């Protein structure tokens, strides 16, 4: 309770977190980054689970689920305040139907999410050969 009183008694600095203008470009960029990182984590955790499981599908699925869930929670906490952390065009459309986001902003969100979904897992192609799994 005391820390809340101290925080509330300190005036916000100009340009501080509360003063940040959340432009559409900034929110779309957050959706791009969040979607790219989420998809990279999903692919990476699938590869990790397969390598660690030694043929046990249940262990692979468990490892994949835990890693993906942890990354999703971290992304929602990091980007949720800025963009809403949709990370999925269907969620974005659902929020537009519910009027949680304006329809005029929906195409920018969806474009950022689709491009992020393509570039996130494609990052594996840029890894040094020694880090890649032999195909």
N, C-alpha and C. Protein backbone atom coordinates (compact mmCIF):
# COMPACT_ATOMS: atom_id res chain seq x y z
N UNK A 1 0.82 -1.18 0.00
CA UNK A 1 0.00 0.00 0.00
C UNK A 1 0.87 1.24 0.00
N UNK A 2 1.96 1.22 0.77
CA UNK A 2 2.83 2.38 0.87
C UNK A 2 3.47 2.71 -0.47
N UNK A 3 3.93 1.69 -1.23
CA UNK A 3 4.57 1.95 -2.52
C UNK A 3 3.58 2.57 -3.50
N UNK A 4 2.30 2.20 -3.43
CA UNK A 4 1.30 2.80 -4.30
C UNK A 4 1.14 4.28 -3.99
N UNK A 5 1.15 4.65 -2.71
CA UNK A 5 1.03 6.06 -2.33
C UNK A 5 2.23 6.85 -2.82
N UNK A 6 3.43 6.27 -2.70
CA UNK A 6 4.63 6.96 -3.17
C UNK A 6 4.56 7.14 -4.68
N UNK A 7 4.19 6.09 -5.41
CA UNK A 7 4.10 6.15 -6.86
C UNK A 7 3.07 7.19 -7.29
N UNK A 8 1.92 7.23 -6.61
CA UNK A 8 0.87 8.17 -6.98
C UNK A 8 1.24 9.61 -6.64
N UNK A 9 2.12 9.81 -5.65
CA UNK A 9 2.46 11.16 -5.25
C UNK A 9 3.53 11.78 -6.14
N UNK A 10 4.24 10.94 -6.92
CA UNK A 10 5.28 11.45 -7.81
C UNK A 10 4.64 11.82 -9.14
N UNK A 11 4.79 13.09 -9.57
CA UNK A 11 4.18 13.47 -10.85
C UNK A 11 4.88 12.76 -12.01
N UNK A 12 4.10 12.46 -13.04
CA UNK A 12 4.66 11.79 -14.21
C UNK A 12 5.57 12.74 -14.96
N UNK A 13 6.69 12.23 -15.43
CA UNK A 13 7.62 13.05 -16.21
C UNK A 13 7.09 13.19 -17.63
N UNK A 14 7.27 14.36 -18.24
CA UNK A 14 6.88 14.48 -19.65
C UNK A 14 7.68 13.48 -20.48
N UNK A 15 7.01 12.81 -21.38
CA UNK A 15 7.65 11.80 -22.19
C UNK A 15 7.78 10.47 -21.49
N UNK A 16 7.26 10.37 -20.26
CA UNK A 16 7.32 9.11 -19.50
C UNK A 16 6.34 8.10 -20.07
N UNK A 17 6.32 6.93 -19.45
CA UNK A 17 5.49 5.83 -19.94
C UNK A 17 4.02 6.20 -20.04
N UNK A 18 3.49 6.95 -19.08
CA UNK A 18 2.08 7.32 -19.11
C UNK A 18 1.81 8.37 -20.18
N UNK A 19 2.87 9.07 -20.63
CA UNK A 19 2.71 10.16 -21.57
C UNK A 19 2.93 9.71 -23.02
N UNK A 20 3.24 8.43 -23.22
CA UNK A 20 3.54 7.94 -24.56
C UNK A 20 2.28 7.89 -25.41
N UNK A 21 2.38 8.50 -26.57
CA UNK A 21 1.24 8.44 -27.49
C UNK A 21 1.29 7.09 -28.20
N UNK A 22 0.21 6.40 -28.16
CA UNK A 22 0.16 5.07 -28.77
C UNK A 22 -0.40 5.18 -30.18
N UNK A 23 0.47 5.54 -31.12
CA UNK A 23 0.04 5.70 -32.49
C UNK A 23 -0.24 4.34 -33.12
N UNK A 24 -0.96 4.37 -34.21
CA UNK A 24 -1.28 3.12 -34.92
C UNK A 24 0.00 2.43 -35.40
N UNK A 25 0.96 3.19 -35.87
CA UNK A 25 2.21 2.58 -36.33
C UNK A 25 2.92 1.87 -35.19
N UNK A 26 2.93 2.48 -34.03
CA UNK A 26 3.58 1.87 -32.87
C UNK A 26 2.84 0.61 -32.43
N UNK A 27 1.52 0.64 -32.45
CA UNK A 27 0.74 -0.53 -32.06
C UNK A 27 0.90 -1.66 -33.07
N UNK A 28 0.91 -1.31 -34.36
CA UNK A 28 1.11 -2.32 -35.40
C UNK A 28 2.51 -2.93 -35.29
N UNK A 29 3.50 -2.10 -34.98
CA UNK A 29 4.86 -2.62 -34.81
C UNK A 29 4.92 -3.59 -33.63
N UNK A 30 4.20 -3.28 -32.56
CA UNK A 30 4.15 -4.19 -31.41
C UNK A 30 3.50 -5.51 -31.80
N UNK A 31 2.45 -5.46 -32.61
CA UNK A 31 1.81 -6.70 -33.08
C UNK A 31 2.76 -7.49 -33.97
N UNK A 32 3.51 -6.80 -34.83
CA UNK A 32 4.49 -7.48 -35.69
C UNK A 32 5.54 -8.20 -34.84
N UNK A 33 6.14 -7.47 -33.91
CA UNK A 33 7.20 -8.04 -33.06
C UNK A 33 6.65 -9.18 -32.22
N UNK A 34 5.48 -8.97 -31.61
CA UNK A 34 4.90 -10.01 -30.78
C UNK A 34 4.56 -11.27 -31.55
N UNK A 35 3.98 -11.10 -32.74
CA UNK A 35 3.63 -12.26 -33.55
C UNK A 35 4.88 -12.98 -34.03
N UNK A 36 5.88 -12.22 -34.47
CA UNK A 36 7.13 -12.83 -34.93
C UNK A 36 7.81 -13.62 -33.82
N UNK A 37 7.88 -13.03 -32.63
CA UNK A 37 8.52 -13.73 -31.51
C UNK A 37 7.71 -14.95 -31.07
N UNK A 38 6.40 -14.82 -31.08
CA UNK A 38 5.56 -15.95 -30.69
C UNK A 38 5.73 -17.12 -31.65
N UNK A 39 5.69 -16.86 -32.95
CA UNK A 39 5.84 -17.94 -33.93
C UNK A 39 7.25 -18.53 -33.89
N UNK A 40 8.26 -17.69 -33.71
CA UNK A 40 9.62 -18.21 -33.57
C UNK A 40 9.74 -19.10 -32.34
N UNK A 41 9.08 -18.70 -31.26
CA UNK A 41 9.11 -19.51 -30.03
C UNK A 41 8.37 -20.83 -30.22
N UNK A 42 7.26 -20.80 -30.95
CA UNK A 42 6.51 -22.03 -31.19
C UNK A 42 7.34 -23.01 -32.00
N UNK A 43 7.96 -22.52 -33.08
CA UNK A 43 8.79 -23.40 -33.91
C UNK A 43 10.00 -23.87 -33.11
N UNK A 44 10.65 -22.94 -32.41
CA UNK A 44 11.83 -23.30 -31.63
C UNK A 44 11.54 -24.28 -30.52
N UNK A 45 10.41 -24.09 -29.84
CA UNK A 45 10.08 -25.01 -28.75
C UNK A 45 9.70 -26.38 -29.29
N UNK A 46 9.13 -26.42 -30.48
CA UNK A 46 8.85 -27.71 -31.11
C UNK A 46 10.13 -28.47 -31.43
N UNK A 47 11.10 -27.75 -31.96
CA UNK A 47 12.40 -28.36 -32.26
C UNK A 47 13.09 -28.79 -30.97
N UNK A 48 13.05 -27.91 -29.95
CA UNK A 48 13.66 -28.23 -28.66
C UNK A 48 13.00 -29.47 -28.05
N UNK A 49 11.67 -29.50 -28.06
CA UNK A 49 10.96 -30.63 -27.48
C UNK A 49 11.29 -31.94 -28.17
N UNK A 50 11.39 -31.88 -29.50
CA UNK A 50 11.72 -33.09 -30.26
C UNK A 50 13.13 -33.58 -29.92
N UNK A 51 14.06 -32.66 -29.79
CA UNK A 51 15.44 -33.04 -29.48
C UNK A 51 15.58 -33.59 -28.06
N UNK A 52 14.87 -32.98 -27.11
CA UNK A 52 15.01 -33.39 -25.71
C UNK A 52 14.20 -34.64 -25.36
N UNK A 53 13.18 -34.94 -26.13
CA UNK A 53 12.25 -36.01 -25.78
C UNK A 53 12.79 -37.40 -26.06
N UNK A 54 13.77 -37.54 -26.90
CA UNK A 54 14.35 -38.84 -27.25
C UNK A 54 13.28 -39.83 -27.70
N UNK A 55 12.37 -39.34 -28.56
CA UNK A 55 11.34 -40.22 -29.12
C UNK A 55 10.06 -40.30 -28.32
N UNK A 56 10.00 -39.72 -27.15
CA UNK A 56 8.80 -39.74 -26.33
C UNK A 56 7.91 -38.55 -26.71
N UNK A 57 6.82 -38.82 -27.41
CA UNK A 57 5.95 -37.75 -27.92
C UNK A 57 5.32 -36.94 -26.79
N UNK A 58 4.99 -37.60 -25.69
CA UNK A 58 4.36 -36.89 -24.56
C UNK A 58 5.30 -35.85 -23.97
N UNK A 59 6.57 -36.20 -23.83
CA UNK A 59 7.56 -35.26 -23.30
C UNK A 59 7.77 -34.11 -24.28
N UNK A 60 7.79 -34.42 -25.57
CA UNK A 60 7.96 -33.38 -26.59
C UNK A 60 6.80 -32.39 -26.54
N UNK A 61 5.58 -32.89 -26.43
CA UNK A 61 4.42 -32.01 -26.37
C UNK A 61 4.40 -31.18 -25.09
N UNK A 62 4.80 -31.79 -23.99
CA UNK A 62 4.85 -31.06 -22.72
C UNK A 62 5.88 -29.93 -22.78
N UNK A 63 7.06 -30.23 -23.28
CA UNK A 63 8.11 -29.22 -23.39
C UNK A 63 7.67 -28.09 -24.31
N UNK A 64 7.06 -28.45 -25.43
CA UNK A 64 6.58 -27.45 -26.39
C UNK A 64 5.51 -26.59 -25.75
N UNK A 65 4.57 -27.17 -25.05
CA UNK A 65 3.47 -26.43 -24.43
C UNK A 65 3.96 -25.47 -23.35
N UNK A 66 4.85 -25.94 -22.50
CA UNK A 66 5.35 -25.09 -21.41
C UNK A 66 6.15 -23.91 -21.97
N UNK A 67 7.04 -24.19 -22.92
CA UNK A 67 7.85 -23.11 -23.49
C UNK A 67 6.98 -22.10 -24.23
N UNK A 68 6.03 -22.57 -25.02
CA UNK A 68 5.15 -21.67 -25.76
C UNK A 68 4.29 -20.85 -24.81
N UNK A 69 3.76 -21.47 -23.79
CA UNK A 69 2.94 -20.74 -22.82
C UNK A 69 3.74 -19.68 -22.09
N UNK A 70 4.96 -19.99 -21.72
CA UNK A 70 5.81 -19.02 -21.02
C UNK A 70 6.11 -17.82 -21.91
N UNK A 71 6.42 -18.07 -23.17
CA UNK A 71 6.70 -16.97 -24.11
C UNK A 71 5.44 -16.14 -24.34
N UNK A 72 4.30 -16.79 -24.47
CA UNK A 72 3.05 -16.06 -24.69
C UNK A 72 2.74 -15.15 -23.50
N UNK A 73 2.91 -15.65 -22.29
CA UNK A 73 2.68 -14.83 -21.10
C UNK A 73 3.63 -13.63 -21.08
N UNK A 74 4.90 -13.87 -21.38
CA UNK A 74 5.88 -12.78 -21.39
C UNK A 74 5.52 -11.73 -22.44
N UNK A 75 5.10 -12.17 -23.62
CA UNK A 75 4.73 -11.22 -24.68
C UNK A 75 3.48 -10.43 -24.32
N UNK A 76 2.51 -11.08 -23.73
CA UNK A 76 1.29 -10.38 -23.32
C UNK A 76 1.61 -9.34 -22.27
N UNK A 77 2.45 -9.69 -21.31
CA UNK A 77 2.83 -8.73 -20.27
C UNK A 77 3.64 -7.57 -20.84
N UNK A 78 4.50 -7.87 -21.82
CA UNK A 78 5.36 -6.83 -22.38
C UNK A 78 4.63 -5.92 -23.36
N UNK A 79 3.75 -6.48 -24.18
CA UNK A 79 3.14 -5.71 -25.26
C UNK A 79 1.65 -5.48 -25.12
N UNK A 80 1.02 -6.11 -24.16
CA UNK A 80 -0.43 -6.02 -24.01
C UNK A 80 -0.93 -4.62 -23.78
N UNK A 81 -0.22 -3.85 -22.99
CA UNK A 81 -0.64 -2.48 -22.69
C UNK A 81 -0.55 -1.59 -23.93
N UNK A 82 0.39 -1.88 -24.80
CA UNK A 82 0.59 -1.05 -25.99
C UNK A 82 -0.40 -1.38 -27.10
N UNK A 83 -0.50 -2.66 -27.46
CA UNK A 83 -1.29 -3.02 -28.64
C UNK A 83 -2.49 -3.90 -28.35
N UNK A 84 -2.61 -4.40 -27.16
CA UNK A 84 -3.68 -5.34 -26.86
C UNK A 84 -3.23 -6.78 -26.98
N UNK A 85 -2.05 -7.01 -27.54
CA UNK A 85 -1.45 -8.35 -27.65
C UNK A 85 -2.38 -9.34 -28.33
N UNK A 86 -2.88 -8.98 -29.50
CA UNK A 86 -3.76 -9.89 -30.24
C UNK A 86 -2.96 -11.04 -30.85
N UNK A 87 -1.91 -10.73 -31.60
CA UNK A 87 -0.98 -11.69 -32.20
C UNK A 87 -1.64 -12.70 -33.13
N UNK A 88 -2.88 -12.49 -33.51
CA UNK A 88 -3.61 -13.44 -34.34
C UNK A 88 -4.70 -12.68 -35.09
N UNK A 89 -4.74 -12.80 -36.43
CA UNK A 89 -5.75 -12.07 -37.19
C UNK A 89 -7.19 -12.40 -36.79
N UNK A 90 -7.45 -13.62 -36.38
CA UNK A 90 -8.81 -13.99 -35.97
C UNK A 90 -9.19 -13.27 -34.67
N UNK A 91 -8.24 -13.16 -33.76
CA UNK A 91 -8.48 -12.41 -32.52
C UNK A 91 -8.71 -10.94 -32.85
N UNK A 92 -7.93 -10.41 -33.77
CA UNK A 92 -8.09 -9.02 -34.17
C UNK A 92 -9.48 -8.79 -34.77
N UNK A 93 -9.91 -9.68 -35.66
CA UNK A 93 -11.25 -9.55 -36.25
C UNK A 93 -12.32 -9.66 -35.18
N UNK A 94 -12.14 -10.56 -34.25
CA UNK A 94 -13.09 -10.71 -33.16
C UNK A 94 -13.18 -9.43 -32.33
N UNK A 95 -12.03 -8.83 -32.05
CA UNK A 95 -12.03 -7.57 -31.30
C UNK A 95 -12.65 -6.44 -32.10
N UNK A 96 -12.49 -6.45 -33.41
CA UNK A 96 -13.11 -5.42 -34.24
C UNK A 96 -14.63 -5.59 -34.25
N UNK A 97 -15.10 -6.82 -34.31
CA UNK A 97 -16.55 -7.09 -34.28
C UNK A 97 -17.12 -6.63 -32.93
N UNK A 98 -16.37 -6.86 -31.85
CA UNK A 98 -16.82 -6.44 -30.52
C UNK A 98 -16.58 -4.95 -30.28
N UNK A 99 -15.99 -4.27 -31.26
CA UNK A 99 -15.66 -2.84 -31.20
C UNK A 99 -14.61 -2.52 -30.13
N UNK A 100 -13.76 -3.50 -29.85
CA UNK A 100 -12.66 -3.25 -28.93
C UNK A 100 -11.54 -2.49 -29.63
N UNK A 101 -11.43 -2.66 -30.94
CA UNK A 101 -10.53 -1.85 -31.75
C UNK A 101 -11.32 -1.33 -32.94
N UNK A 102 -10.99 -0.14 -33.44
CA UNK A 102 -11.73 0.41 -34.57
C UNK A 102 -11.49 -0.39 -35.86
N UNK A 103 -12.50 -0.49 -36.68
CA UNK A 103 -12.38 -1.22 -37.95
C UNK A 103 -11.30 -0.61 -38.84
N UNK A 104 -11.13 0.72 -38.79
CA UNK A 104 -10.15 1.36 -39.67
C UNK A 104 -8.72 0.95 -39.31
N UNK A 105 -8.50 0.46 -38.08
CA UNK A 105 -7.16 0.02 -37.66
C UNK A 105 -6.93 -1.47 -37.89
N UNK A 106 -7.99 -2.20 -38.15
CA UNK A 106 -7.90 -3.66 -38.29
C UNK A 106 -6.96 -4.09 -39.42
N UNK A 107 -7.00 -3.48 -40.62
CA UNK A 107 -6.07 -3.92 -41.67
C UNK A 107 -4.59 -3.76 -41.29
N UNK A 108 -4.26 -2.70 -40.58
CA UNK A 108 -2.87 -2.51 -40.17
C UNK A 108 -2.43 -3.60 -39.18
N UNK A 109 -3.31 -3.92 -38.24
CA UNK A 109 -3.02 -4.98 -37.27
C UNK A 109 -2.82 -6.32 -38.00
N UNK A 110 -3.75 -6.65 -38.90
CA UNK A 110 -3.68 -7.94 -39.59
C UNK A 110 -2.45 -8.02 -40.49
N UNK A 111 -2.14 -6.94 -41.19
CA UNK A 111 -0.94 -6.94 -42.04
C UNK A 111 0.31 -7.16 -41.19
N UNK A 112 0.40 -6.47 -40.07
CA UNK A 112 1.56 -6.63 -39.18
C UNK A 112 1.65 -8.05 -38.65
N UNK A 113 0.51 -8.65 -38.31
CA UNK A 113 0.50 -10.01 -37.77
C UNK A 113 0.90 -11.03 -38.83
N UNK A 114 0.41 -10.87 -40.05
CA UNK A 114 0.74 -11.82 -41.12
C UNK A 114 2.23 -11.72 -41.46
N UNK A 115 2.73 -10.50 -41.59
CA UNK A 115 4.15 -10.33 -41.90
C UNK A 115 5.01 -10.85 -40.74
N UNK A 116 4.60 -10.60 -39.52
CA UNK A 116 5.33 -11.13 -38.36
C UNK A 116 5.31 -12.65 -38.31
N UNK A 117 4.17 -13.24 -38.69
CA UNK A 117 4.06 -14.70 -38.69
C UNK A 117 4.96 -15.33 -39.74
N UNK A 118 5.24 -14.61 -40.80
CA UNK A 118 6.13 -15.13 -41.85
C UNK A 118 7.59 -14.93 -41.46
N UNK A 119 7.91 -13.75 -40.94
CA UNK A 119 9.31 -13.44 -40.65
C UNK A 119 9.83 -14.09 -39.37
N UNK A 120 8.96 -14.34 -38.39
CA UNK A 120 9.42 -14.95 -37.14
C UNK A 120 10.08 -16.30 -37.34
N UNK A 121 9.37 -17.27 -37.89
CA UNK A 121 9.98 -18.58 -38.12
C UNK A 121 11.06 -18.55 -39.20
N UNK A 122 10.97 -17.59 -40.12
CA UNK A 122 11.98 -17.50 -41.18
C UNK A 122 13.33 -17.08 -40.62
N UNK A 123 13.37 -16.56 -39.40
CA UNK A 123 14.62 -16.17 -38.78
C UNK A 123 15.57 -17.35 -38.64
N UNK A 124 15.03 -18.54 -38.63
CA UNK A 124 15.87 -19.74 -38.55
C UNK A 124 16.81 -19.82 -39.75
N UNK A 125 16.37 -19.31 -40.89
CA UNK A 125 17.20 -19.35 -42.10
C UNK A 125 18.44 -18.48 -41.96
N UNK A 126 18.40 -17.47 -41.10
CA UNK A 126 19.53 -16.59 -40.91
C UNK A 126 20.52 -17.07 -39.86
N UNK A 127 20.24 -18.20 -39.22
CA UNK A 127 21.14 -18.72 -38.19
C UNK A 127 22.40 -19.29 -38.82
N UNK A 128 23.52 -19.22 -38.12
CA UNK A 128 24.74 -19.87 -38.62
C UNK A 128 24.50 -21.37 -38.79
N UNK A 129 25.15 -21.96 -39.75
CA UNK A 129 24.96 -23.39 -40.05
C UNK A 129 25.22 -24.27 -38.82
N UNK A 130 26.16 -23.88 -37.98
CA UNK A 130 26.49 -24.70 -36.82
C UNK A 130 25.34 -24.75 -35.81
N UNK A 131 24.40 -23.77 -35.85
CA UNK A 131 23.28 -23.75 -34.94
C UNK A 131 22.08 -24.50 -35.49
N UNK A 132 22.08 -24.74 -36.78
CA UNK A 132 20.93 -25.39 -37.42
C UNK A 132 21.00 -26.90 -37.27
N UNK A 133 19.84 -27.47 -37.27
CA UNK A 133 19.75 -28.92 -37.24
C UNK A 133 19.95 -29.43 -38.67
N UNK A 134 20.78 -30.44 -38.86
CA UNK A 134 20.96 -30.97 -40.21
C UNK A 134 19.64 -31.57 -40.72
N UNK A 135 19.25 -31.18 -41.91
CA UNK A 135 18.00 -31.70 -42.49
C UNK A 135 18.21 -32.98 -43.24
